[in-house]
């Protein structure tokens, strides 16, 4: 499995618009086991994106999808800061099958 967590800060006042864009077309991403966008509790402009994939190859392939490319193009002008992604190796938990099943 392949996971990634990243903090993204929207241009002031644009967080909800950015969230809406990021949630569009996420169902079409083959190999994506979880894609969560969450509002930062303390920073009104920040969001956290947590992704879990069956493999890095699936994640990388998703970046070629027209829906993902379109979302990225729409989102870029609304992003003030794109943090450094943290790559993880998910092993299981509530809502996620054990890595041993993949």
C-alpha atoms as a PDB file:
ATOM      1  CA  UNK A   1       0.000   0.000   0.000  1.00  0.00           C
ATOM      2  CA  UNK A   2       0.952   3.611  -0.527  1.00  0.00           C
ATOM      3  CA  UNK A   3      -0.245   6.569   1.508  1.00  0.00           C
ATOM      4  CA  UNK A   4       0.238  10.298   1.469  1.00  0.00           C
ATOM      5  CA  UNK A   5      -0.747  13.111   3.824  1.00  0.00           C
ATOM      6  CA  UNK A   6      -0.318  16.767   2.898  1.00  0.00           C
ATOM      7  CA  UNK A   7      -1.390  20.137   4.261  1.00  0.00           C
ATOM      8  CA  UNK A   8      -2.610  22.615   1.668  1.00  0.00           C
ATOM      9  CA  UNK A   9      -3.341  26.244   2.464  1.00  0.00           C
ATOM     10  CA  UNK A  10      -5.879  27.969   0.273  1.00  0.00           C
ATOM     11  CA  UNK A  11      -5.784  31.593  -0.800  1.00  0.00           C
ATOM     12  CA  UNK A  12      -7.656  33.539   1.896  1.00  0.00           C
ATOM     13  CA  UNK A  13     -11.393  32.890   1.676  1.00  0.00           C
ATOM     14  CA  UNK A  14     -11.069  30.150  -0.948  1.00  0.00           C
ATOM     15  CA  UNK A  15     -10.908  27.024   1.238  1.00  0.00           C
ATOM     16  CA  UNK A  16     -14.440  25.790   0.499  1.00  0.00           C
ATOM     17  CA  UNK A  17     -14.000  26.347  -3.239  1.00  0.00           C
ATOM     18  CA  UNK A  18     -10.728  24.404  -3.139  1.00  0.00           C
ATOM     19  CA  UNK A  19     -12.384  21.563  -1.209  1.00  0.00           C
ATOM     20  CA  UNK A  20     -15.188  21.364  -3.769  1.00  0.00           C
ATOM     21  CA  UNK A  21     -12.701  21.085  -6.629  1.00  0.00           C
ATOM     22  CA  UNK A  22     -10.620  18.435  -4.867  1.00  0.00           C
ATOM     23  CA  UNK A  23     -13.661  16.268  -4.191  1.00  0.00           C
ATOM     24  CA  UNK A  24     -14.834  16.292  -7.807  1.00  0.00           C
ATOM     25  CA  UNK A  25     -14.156  13.100  -9.749  1.00  0.00           C
ATOM     26  CA  UNK A  26     -12.458  11.216  -6.930  1.00  0.00           C
ATOM     27  CA  UNK A  27     -14.593   8.126  -7.550  1.00  0.00           C
ATOM     28  CA  UNK A  28     -12.870   7.480 -10.876  1.00  0.00           C
ATOM     29  CA  UNK A  29      -9.411   6.866  -9.404  1.00  0.00           C
ATOM     30  CA  UNK A  30      -8.608   3.172  -9.834  1.00  0.00           C
ATOM     31  CA  UNK A  31      -6.629   1.750  -6.924  1.00  0.00           C
ATOM     32  CA  UNK A  32      -7.644   4.552  -4.547  1.00  0.00           C
ATOM     33  CA  UNK A  33      -8.788   3.003  -1.284  1.00  0.00           C
ATOM     34  CA  UNK A  34      -9.341   6.269   0.552  1.00  0.00           C
ATOM     35  CA  UNK A  35      -9.193   9.960  -0.356  1.00  0.00           C
ATOM     36  CA  UNK A  36     -10.120  12.268   2.512  1.00  0.00           C
ATOM     37  CA  UNK A  37     -10.145  16.055   2.484  1.00  0.00           C
ATOM     38  CA  UNK A  38     -10.453  17.606   5.959  1.00  0.00           C
ATOM     39  CA  UNK A  39     -10.613  21.182   7.195  1.00  0.00           C
ATOM     40  CA  UNK A  40      -7.827  22.229   9.568  1.00  0.00           C
ATOM     41  CA  UNK A  41      -9.431  23.015  12.922  1.00  0.00           C
ATOM     42  CA  UNK A  42      -7.177  25.984  13.749  1.00  0.00           C
ATOM     43  CA  UNK A  43      -6.390  27.500  10.340  1.00  0.00           C
ATOM     44  CA  UNK A  44      -9.462  28.712   8.433  1.00  0.00           C
ATOM     45  CA  UNK A  45      -7.596  28.516   5.117  1.00  0.00           C
ATOM     46  CA  UNK A  46      -5.907  25.120   5.522  1.00  0.00           C
ATOM     47  CA  UNK A  47      -6.991  21.613   4.594  1.00  0.00           C
ATOM     48  CA  UNK A  48      -5.420  18.186   5.012  1.00  0.00           C
ATOM     49  CA  UNK A  49      -5.528  15.587   2.256  1.00  0.00           C
ATOM     50  CA  UNK A  50      -5.052  11.959   3.268  1.00  0.00           C
ATOM     51  CA  UNK A  51      -4.793   9.367   0.500  1.00  0.00           C
ATOM     52  CA  UNK A  52      -4.464   5.582   0.599  1.00  0.00           C
ATOM     53  CA  UNK A  53      -3.714   3.629  -2.569  1.00  0.00           C
ATOM     54  CA  UNK A  54      -3.196  -0.016  -3.343  1.00  0.00           C
ATOM     55  CA  UNK A  55       0.210   0.970  -4.797  1.00  0.00           C
ATOM     56  CA  UNK A  56       2.375   3.943  -5.755  1.00  0.00           C
ATOM     57  CA  UNK A  57       1.827   2.970  -9.396  1.00  0.00           C
ATOM     58  CA  UNK A  58      -1.941   3.471  -9.006  1.00  0.00           C
ATOM     59  CA  UNK A  59      -1.370   6.874  -7.424  1.00  0.00           C
ATOM     60  CA  UNK A  60       1.003   7.914 -10.195  1.00  0.00           C
ATOM     61  CA  UNK A  61      -1.410   6.659 -12.893  1.00  0.00           C
ATOM     62  CA  UNK A  62      -4.237   8.735 -11.385  1.00  0.00           C
ATOM     63  CA  UNK A  63      -2.311  11.907 -12.199  1.00  0.00           C
ATOM     64  CA  UNK A  64      -2.876  11.155 -15.906  1.00  0.00           C
ATOM     65  CA  UNK A  65      -6.671  10.956 -15.623  1.00  0.00           C
ATOM     66  CA  UNK A  66      -8.505  13.832 -17.360  1.00  0.00           C
ATOM     67  CA  UNK A  67     -10.666  14.437 -14.260  1.00  0.00           C
ATOM     68  CA  UNK A  68      -7.597  14.675 -12.013  1.00  0.00           C
ATOM     69  CA  UNK A  69      -5.692  16.885 -14.460  1.00  0.00           C
ATOM     70  CA  UNK A  70      -8.737  19.172 -14.693  1.00  0.00           C
ATOM     71  CA  UNK A  71      -9.101  19.367 -10.915  1.00  0.00           C
ATOM     72  CA  UNK A  72      -5.409  20.209 -10.514  1.00  0.00           C
ATOM     73  CA  UNK A  73      -5.649  22.979 -13.132  1.00  0.00           C
ATOM     74  CA  UNK A  74      -8.717  24.493 -11.412  1.00  0.00           C
ATOM     75  CA  UNK A  75      -7.215  24.148  -7.930  1.00  0.00           C
ATOM     76  CA  UNK A  76      -3.775  25.682  -8.581  1.00  0.00           C
ATOM     77  CA  UNK A  77      -4.923  29.333  -8.545  1.00  0.00           C
ATOM     78  CA  UNK A  78      -6.673  28.736  -5.199  1.00  0.00           C
ATOM     79  CA  UNK A  79      -3.600  27.306  -3.457  1.00  0.00           C
ATOM     80  CA  UNK A  80      -1.383  29.671  -1.471  1.00  0.00           C
ATOM     81  CA  UNK A  81       0.905  26.970  -0.001  1.00  0.00           C
ATOM     82  CA  UNK A  82       1.234  23.308  -0.919  1.00  0.00           C
ATOM     83  CA  UNK A  83       3.035  21.618   1.958  1.00  0.00           C
ATOM     84  CA  UNK A  84       5.597  18.851   1.690  1.00  0.00           C
ATOM     85  CA  UNK A  85       3.745  15.538   1.337  1.00  0.00           C
ATOM     86  CA  UNK A  86       4.457  12.860   3.913  1.00  0.00           C
ATOM     87  CA  UNK A  87       4.558   9.391   2.331  1.00  0.00           C
ATOM     88  CA  UNK A  88       3.311   6.515   4.472  1.00  0.00           C
ATOM     89  CA  UNK A  89       2.791   2.767   4.237  1.00  0.00           C
ATOM     90  CA  UNK A  90      -0.725   2.099   5.541  1.00  0.00           C
ATOM     91  CA  UNK A  91      -1.102  -1.208   7.371  1.00  0.00           C
ATOM     92  CA  UNK A  92      -4.786  -1.173   8.322  1.00  0.00           C
ATOM     93  CA  UNK A  93      -7.325   0.382  10.627  1.00  0.00           C
ATOM     94  CA  UNK A  94     -11.029   1.091  10.874  1.00  0.00           C
ATOM     95  CA  UNK A  95     -12.428   1.384   7.358  1.00  0.00           C
ATOM     96  CA  UNK A  96      -9.336  -0.047   5.704  1.00  0.00           C
ATOM     97  CA  UNK A  97      -8.643  -3.706   5.048  1.00  0.00           C
ATOM     98  CA  UNK A  98      -5.341  -5.016   6.316  1.00  0.00           C
ATOM     99  CA  UNK A  99      -2.397  -4.499   3.999  1.00  0.00           C
ATOM    100  CA  UNK A 100      -2.006  -8.275   4.047  1.00  0.00           C
ATOM    101  CA  UNK A 101      -5.200  -8.541   1.976  1.00  0.00           C
ATOM    102  CA  UNK A 102      -3.692  -6.486  -0.874  1.00  0.00           C
END
